[in-house]
C-alpha atoms as a PDB file:
ATOM      1  CA  MET A   1      -4.318   8.034 -27.735  1.00  0.00           C
ATOM      2  CA  PRO A   2      -8.244   8.867 -26.209  1.00  0.00           C
ATOM      3  CA  ILE A   3     -10.438   5.787 -26.354  1.00  0.00           C
ATOM      4  CA  THR A   4     -13.529   7.608 -28.429  1.00  0.00           C
ATOM      5  CA  ARG A   5     -15.645   5.042 -27.489  1.00  0.00           C
ATOM      6  CA  ARG A   6     -18.197   3.545 -24.990  1.00  0.00           C
ATOM      7  CA  LEU A   7     -17.829   0.618 -23.146  1.00  0.00           C
ATOM      8  CA  PRO A   8     -20.503  -1.033 -22.230  1.00  0.00           C
ATOM      9  CA  SER A   9     -21.098  -1.559 -18.343  1.00  0.00           C
ATOM     10  CA  GLY A  10     -18.701  -4.978 -16.714  1.00  0.00           C
ATOM     11  CA  ASN A  11     -16.049  -4.289 -19.076  1.00  0.00           C
ATOM     12  CA  GLY A  12     -14.179  -1.807 -17.376  1.00  0.00           C
ATOM     13  CA  ARG A  13     -11.898  -4.248 -14.897  1.00  0.00           C
ATOM     14  CA  PHE A  14     -11.127  -6.811 -18.239  1.00  0.00           C
ATOM     15  CA  LEU A  15     -10.357  -3.253 -20.261  1.00  0.00           C
ATOM     16  CA  ALA A  16      -7.915  -1.946 -17.540  1.00  0.00           C
ATOM     17  CA  ALA A  17      -6.729  -6.131 -17.915  1.00  0.00           C
ATOM     18  CA  GLY A  18      -5.641  -5.894 -21.470  1.00  0.00           C
ATOM     19  CA  LEU A  19      -3.785  -2.247 -20.497  1.00  0.00           C
ATOM     20  CA  LEU A  20      -2.503  -3.205 -17.924  1.00  0.00           C
ATOM     21  CA  SER A  21      -0.950  -6.224 -19.843  1.00  0.00           C
ATOM     22  CA  ALA A  22       0.167  -4.306 -21.868  1.00  0.00           C
ATOM     23  CA  LEU A  23       1.892  -2.551 -19.954  1.00  0.00           C
ATOM     24  CA  LEU A  24       3.649  -5.183 -18.427  1.00  0.00           C
ATOM     25  CA  HIS A  25       4.681  -7.012 -21.340  1.00  0.00           C
ATOM     26  CA  SER A  26       7.299  -4.220 -22.970  1.00  0.00           C
ATOM     27  CA  ALA A  27      10.285  -4.213 -20.521  1.00  0.00           C
ATOM     28  CA  PRO A  28      12.723  -6.698 -19.488  1.00  0.00           C
ATOM     29  CA  CYS A  29      13.703  -7.540 -16.303  1.00  0.00           C
ATOM     30  CA  ALA A  30      17.783  -8.658 -17.111  1.00  0.00           C
ATOM     31  CA  ALA A  31      18.537  -5.056 -17.851  1.00  0.00           C
ATOM     32  CA  ALA A  32      15.796  -2.981 -16.127  1.00  0.00           C
ATOM     33  CA  PRO A  33      16.124  -1.669 -12.785  1.00  0.00           C
ATOM     34  CA  VAL A  34      14.570  -3.039  -9.492  1.00  0.00           C
ATOM     35  CA  ALA A  35      11.889  -1.325  -8.180  1.00  0.00           C
ATOM     36  CA  VAL A  36       9.955  -2.620  -4.939  1.00  0.00           C
ATOM     37  CA  ALA A  37       6.219  -0.652  -4.393  1.00  0.00           C
ATOM     38  CA  ILE A  38       4.413  -2.026  -1.872  1.00  0.00           C
ATOM     39  CA  ILE A  39       0.244  -2.067  -0.796  1.00  0.00           C
ATOM     40  CA  GLN A  40      -1.361  -0.815   1.700  1.00  0.00           C
ATOM     41  CA  GLU A  41      -4.548  -2.522   2.433  1.00  0.00           C
ATOM     42  CA  ALA A  42      -7.475  -0.262   1.929  1.00  0.00           C
ATOM     43  CA  PRO A  43     -10.066  -0.063   5.034  1.00  0.00           C
ATOM     44  CA  TRP A  44     -13.579  -1.793   3.204  1.00  0.00           C
ATOM     45  CA  SER A  45     -16.404  -3.714   3.975  1.00  0.00           C
ATOM     46  CA  PRO A  46     -18.198  -5.900   2.658  1.00  0.00           C
ATOM     47  CA  GLY A  47     -20.645  -5.461  -0.338  1.00  0.00           C
ATOM     48  CA  ASP A  48     -19.211  -2.250  -0.715  1.00  0.00           C
ATOM     49  CA  ASP A  49     -18.135  -1.950  -4.134  1.00  0.00           C
ATOM     50  CA  THR A  50     -16.480   1.389  -4.531  1.00  0.00           C
ATOM     51  CA  ARG A  51     -13.317   0.552  -1.527  1.00  0.00           C
ATOM     52  CA  GLU A  52     -13.398  -2.652  -3.484  1.00  0.00           C
ATOM     53  CA  GLY A  53     -12.650  -1.111  -7.118  1.00  0.00           C
ATOM     54  CA  ALA A  54     -10.634   1.448  -5.155  1.00  0.00           C
ATOM     55  CA  GLY A  55      -8.736  -1.217  -4.244  1.00  0.00           C
ATOM     56  CA  GLU A  56      -7.923  -3.368  -7.295  1.00  0.00           C
ATOM     57  CA  PHE A  57      -7.356   0.169  -8.972  1.00  0.00           C
ATOM     58  CA  ALA A  58      -4.858   0.990  -6.817  1.00  0.00           C
ATOM     59  CA  VAL A  59      -2.894  -2.301  -7.466  1.00  0.00           C
ATOM     60  CA  LEU A  60      -3.489  -1.849 -11.068  1.00  0.00           C
ATOM     61  CA  MET A  61      -1.685   1.621 -10.964  1.00  0.00           C
ATOM     62  CA  GLN A  62       1.174   0.516  -9.151  1.00  0.00           C
ATOM     63  CA  ILE A  63       1.400  -1.773 -11.282  1.00  0.00           C
ATOM     64  CA  ALA A  64       1.406   0.527 -14.246  1.00  0.00           C
ATOM     65  CA  GLU A  65       3.597   2.974 -13.203  1.00  0.00           C
ATOM     66  CA  LEU A  66       6.406   0.149 -11.452  1.00  0.00           C
ATOM     67  CA  ARG A  67       6.068  -0.560 -15.668  1.00  0.00           C
ATOM     68  CA  ARG A  68       6.722   2.492 -16.785  1.00  0.00           C
ATOM     69  CA  SER A  69       9.376   3.073 -14.642  1.00  0.00           C
ATOM     70  CA  GLY A  70      11.291   0.720 -17.011  1.00  0.00           C
ATOM     71  CA  ALA A  71      12.087  -1.387 -13.384  1.00  0.00           C
ATOM     72  CA  CYS A  72      11.833  -5.469 -12.488  1.00  0.00           C
ATOM     73  CA  ALA A  73       9.050  -4.930 -10.468  1.00  0.00           C
ATOM     74  CA  GLY A  74       8.189  -6.434  -6.942  1.00  0.00           C
ATOM     75  CA  LEU A  75       5.235  -6.400  -5.077  1.00  0.00           C
ATOM     76  CA  LEU A  76       5.217  -6.073  -1.756  1.00  0.00           C
ATOM     77  CA  GLY A  77       1.504  -6.410   0.253  1.00  0.00           C
ATOM     78  CA  VAL A  78       0.938  -4.487   3.753  1.00  0.00           C
ATOM     79  CA  GLY A  79      -2.850  -7.135   4.469  1.00  0.00           C
ATOM     80  CA  ALA A  80      -4.086  -6.587   7.261  1.00  0.00           C
ATOM     81  CA  ALA A  81      -5.238 -10.202   9.007  1.00  0.00           C
ATOM     82  CA  ARG A  82      -2.927 -12.549   8.018  1.00  0.00           C
ATOM     83  CA  GLY A  83      -2.025 -10.883   4.438  1.00  0.00           C
ATOM     84  CA  VAL A  84      -5.317 -10.641   3.450  1.00  0.00           C
ATOM     85  CA  PHE A  85      -6.476  -8.205   1.227  1.00  0.00           C
ATOM     86  CA  ALA A  86     -10.515  -6.925  -0.275  1.00  0.00           C
ATOM     87  CA  PRO A  87     -11.278  -9.538  -3.214  1.00  0.00           C
ATOM     88  CA  GLY A  88     -10.692  -6.485  -5.946  1.00  0.00           C
ATOM     89  CA  ALA A  89      -7.127  -6.492  -4.212  1.00  0.00           C
ATOM     90  CA  GLU A  90      -6.672  -9.891  -4.727  1.00  0.00           C
ATOM     91  CA  ARG A  91      -7.477 -10.920  -8.131  1.00  0.00           C
ATOM     92  CA  ALA A  92      -5.378  -7.520  -9.565  1.00  0.00           C
ATOM     93  CA  LEU A  93      -2.325  -9.105  -6.865  1.00  0.00           C
ATOM     94  CA  ARG A  94      -2.859 -12.734  -8.542  1.00  0.00           C
ATOM     95  CA  PHE A  95      -3.019 -10.646 -11.762  1.00  0.00           C
ATOM     96  CA  ALA A  96       0.389  -8.590 -11.286  1.00  0.00           C
ATOM     97  CA  ALA A  97       1.607 -12.477 -10.141  1.00  0.00           C
ATOM     98  CA  LEU A  98       0.947 -13.566 -13.160  1.00  0.00           C
ATOM     99  CA  ASN A  99       1.855 -11.239 -14.849  1.00  0.00           C
ATOM    100  CA  GLY A 100       5.919 -11.482 -13.985  1.00  0.00           C
ATOM    101  CA  VAL A 101       5.376  -8.946 -10.740  1.00  0.00           C
ATOM    102  CA  ALA A 102       6.720 -10.737  -7.776  1.00  0.00           C
ATOM    103  CA  VAL A 103       4.334 -10.339  -5.410  1.00  0.00           C
ATOM    104  CA  VAL A 104       4.706 -10.726  -1.029  1.00  0.00           C
ATOM    105  CA  LYS A 105       1.894 -10.362   1.231  1.00  0.00           C
ATOM    106  CA  LEU A 106       3.702  -9.163   4.369  1.00  0.00           C
ATOM    107  CA  GLY A 107       0.456  -9.414   7.251  1.00  0.00           C
ATOM    108  CA  ALA A 108      -0.222  -6.937  10.707  1.00  0.00           C
ATOM    109  CA  ARG A 109       1.777  -9.605  12.712  1.00  0.00           C
ATOM    110  CA  GLY A 110       3.391 -11.640  10.471  1.00  0.00           C
ATOM    111  CA  ASP A 111       0.861 -13.743   9.562  1.00  0.00           C
ATOM    112  CA  VAL A 112      -0.045 -14.411   6.076  1.00  0.00           C
ATOM    113  CA  ALA A 113      -2.572 -16.818   5.060  1.00  0.00           C
ATOM    114  CA  PRO A 114      -1.497 -18.784   1.919  1.00  0.00           C
ATOM    115  CA  CYS A 115      -2.401 -19.155  -0.927  1.00  0.00           C
ATOM    116  CA  PRO A 116      -4.116 -21.678  -3.150  1.00  0.00           C
ATOM    117  CA  ASP A 117      -1.961 -21.392  -6.141  1.00  0.00           C
ATOM    118  CA  GLU A 118       1.443 -20.213  -4.225  1.00  0.00           C
ATOM    119  CA  ILE A 119       2.151 -17.210  -6.364  1.00  0.00           C
ATOM    120  CA  PHE A 120       2.629 -15.514  -3.340  1.00  0.00           C
ATOM    121  CA  ALA A 121       5.608 -14.800  -1.281  1.00  0.00           C
ATOM    122  CA  ASP A 122       5.299 -14.458   2.447  1.00  0.00           C
ATOM    123  CA  ALA A 123       7.604 -11.946   4.142  1.00  0.00           C
ATOM    124  CA  GLY A 124       6.841 -13.230   7.971  1.00  0.00           C
ATOM    125  CA  GLY A 125       7.522 -11.685  10.822  1.00  0.00           C
ATOM    126  CA  LEU A 126       9.935  -8.751   8.264  1.00  0.00           C
ATOM    127  CA  THR A 127       9.113  -5.341   9.029  1.00  0.00           C
ATOM    128  CA  THR A 128       7.973  -3.066   5.986  1.00  0.00           C
ATOM    129  CA  ALA A 129      11.578  -1.822   4.983  1.00  0.00           C
ATOM    130  CA  GLU A 130      13.059  -5.190   5.597  1.00  0.00           C
ATOM    131  CA  ALA A 131      11.170  -6.973   3.657  1.00  0.00           C
ATOM    132  CA  GLN A 132      11.329  -4.153   0.765  1.00  0.00           C
ATOM    133  CA  ARG A 133      14.716  -4.441   0.906  1.00  0.00           C
ATOM    134  CA  THR A 134      14.833  -8.451   1.040  1.00  0.00           C
ATOM    135  CA  LEU A 135      12.008  -8.038  -2.102  1.00  0.00           C
ATOM    136  CA  ARG A 136      14.029  -5.490  -4.046  1.00  0.00           C
ATOM    137  CA  ASP A 137      17.887  -8.003  -3.047  1.00  0.00           C
ATOM    138  CA  ALA A 138      16.232 -11.255  -4.245  1.00  0.00           C
ATOM    139  CA  LEU A 139      14.849  -9.860  -7.753  1.00  0.00           C
ATOM    140  CA  ALA A 140      18.387  -8.396  -8.222  1.00  0.00           C
ATOM    141  CA  ILE A 141      19.131 -12.260  -8.202  1.00  0.00           C
ATOM    142  CA  LEU A 142      16.753 -13.806  -9.203  1.00  0.00           C
ATOM    143  CA  GLY A 143      14.951 -11.687 -11.652  1.00  0.00           C
ATOM    144  CA  SER A 144      11.065 -11.500 -12.231  1.00  0.00           C
ATOM    145  CA  PRO A 145       8.966 -14.107 -12.469  1.00  0.00           C
ATOM    146  CA  PRO A 146       7.843 -15.766 -15.903  1.00  0.00           C
ATOM    147  CA  ARG A 147       4.792 -14.445 -17.548  1.00  0.00           C
ATOM    148  CA  ALA A 148       1.583 -16.017 -18.162  1.00  0.00           C
ATOM    149  CA  ALA A 149       0.604 -15.405 -22.344  1.00  0.00           C
ATOM    150  CA  ASN A 150      -2.972 -14.851 -20.556  1.00  0.00           C
ATOM    151  CA  PRO A 151      -2.922 -14.278 -17.373  1.00  0.00           C
ATOM    152  CA  LEU A 152      -6.867 -14.053 -16.679  1.00  0.00           C
ATOM    153  CA  ALA A 153      -6.646 -17.575 -18.030  1.00  0.00           C
ATOM    154  CA  PRO A 154      -2.851 -19.134 -16.705  1.00  0.00           C
ATOM    155  CA  THR A 155      -1.885 -22.753 -17.571  1.00  0.00           C
ATOM    156  CA  VAL A 156      -1.487 -25.150 -15.443  1.00  0.00           C
ATOM    157  CA  ASP A 157       2.202 -25.630 -16.917  1.00  0.00           C
ATOM    158  CA  GLU A 158       2.044 -21.776 -16.340  1.00  0.00           C
ATOM    159  CA  ILE A 159       0.910 -21.343 -13.126  1.00  0.00           C
ATOM    160  CA  ALA A 160       3.894 -24.149 -12.225  1.00  0.00           C
ATOM    161  CA  ALA A 161       6.576 -21.931 -13.127  1.00  0.00           C
ATOM    162  CA  VAL A 162       5.095 -18.962 -11.375  1.00  0.00           C
ATOM    163  CA  ARG A 163       4.970 -21.296  -7.880  1.00  0.00           C
ATOM    164  CA  ALA A 164       8.908 -22.720  -8.662  1.00  0.00           C
ATOM    165  CA  HIS A 165      10.394 -19.595  -8.830  1.00  0.00           C
ATOM    166  CA  MET A 166       7.816 -17.345  -6.143  1.00  0.00           C
ATOM    167  CA  ARG A 167       9.444 -20.666  -4.037  1.00  0.00           C
ATOM    168  CA  ARG A 168      12.978 -19.801  -4.350  1.00  0.00           C
ATOM    169  CA  LEU A 169      12.273 -16.190  -3.839  1.00  0.00           C
ATOM    170  CA  GLN A 170       9.986 -17.473  -0.668  1.00  0.00           C
ATOM    171  CA  GLN A 171      14.141 -18.816   0.203  1.00  0.00           C
ATOM    172  CA  HIS A 172      15.077 -14.609   0.467  1.00  0.00           C
ATOM    173  CA  PHE A 173      12.631 -14.273   2.771  1.00  0.00           C
ATOM    174  CA  ILE A 174      13.198 -16.840   5.337  1.00  0.00           C
ATOM    175  CA  LEU A 175      16.565 -16.545   5.660  1.00  0.00           C
ATOM    176  CA  ALA A 176      15.921 -13.141   5.889  1.00  0.00           C
ATOM    177  CA  ASN A 177      13.485 -14.631   9.199  1.00  0.00           C
ATOM    178  CA  ALA A 178      16.212 -16.578  10.348  1.00  0.00           C
ATOM    179  CA  THR A 179      18.171 -13.142  10.247  1.00  0.00           C
ATOM    180  CA  VAL A 180      15.892 -11.894  12.347  1.00  0.00           C
ATOM    181  CA  VAL A 181      15.787 -14.667  14.573  1.00  0.00           C
ATOM    182  CA  ALA A 182      18.803 -15.104  15.144  1.00  0.00           C
ATOM    183  CA  ARG A 183      19.588 -11.317  16.100  1.00  0.00           C
ATOM    184  CA  ASN A 184      16.963 -11.236  18.894  1.00  0.00           C
END
């Protein structure tokens, strides 16, 4: 059903967050196939609100697409230096992680900056294809991370639950990286 009323400016982000939250809570992971999407860091420059908003929107749309397919979803974020995205995309990735989507970051040189909440996993020195395969396999075994009741204001316990799940998922990437080192 289309929205027929105008929203005051500045509320678009919260509307998108509300719509996405409804999509994210629609399908249980246990009976769903596993799907992993790759998000590439878009070029941006500080203070460029258009590009920042476009990066955030691209992440939100990719999550909605994954959920519409009924899949247990994971996102592999291929960022620029140290796996860091533009601030808008970082907010969207955090929102996804608190909504039951496993988020794994891959840096341009294999070096990923740590996340303060520890709700993202680090793909280390894997290639994009290896990281995507590892995330898909890990989700098939572990399932989706838990969801926060309100991803815009998660409780300490909800963040701890996501963090614990992502630590288990991180172990799959540690093992995959060890295999790469042993192969070399």
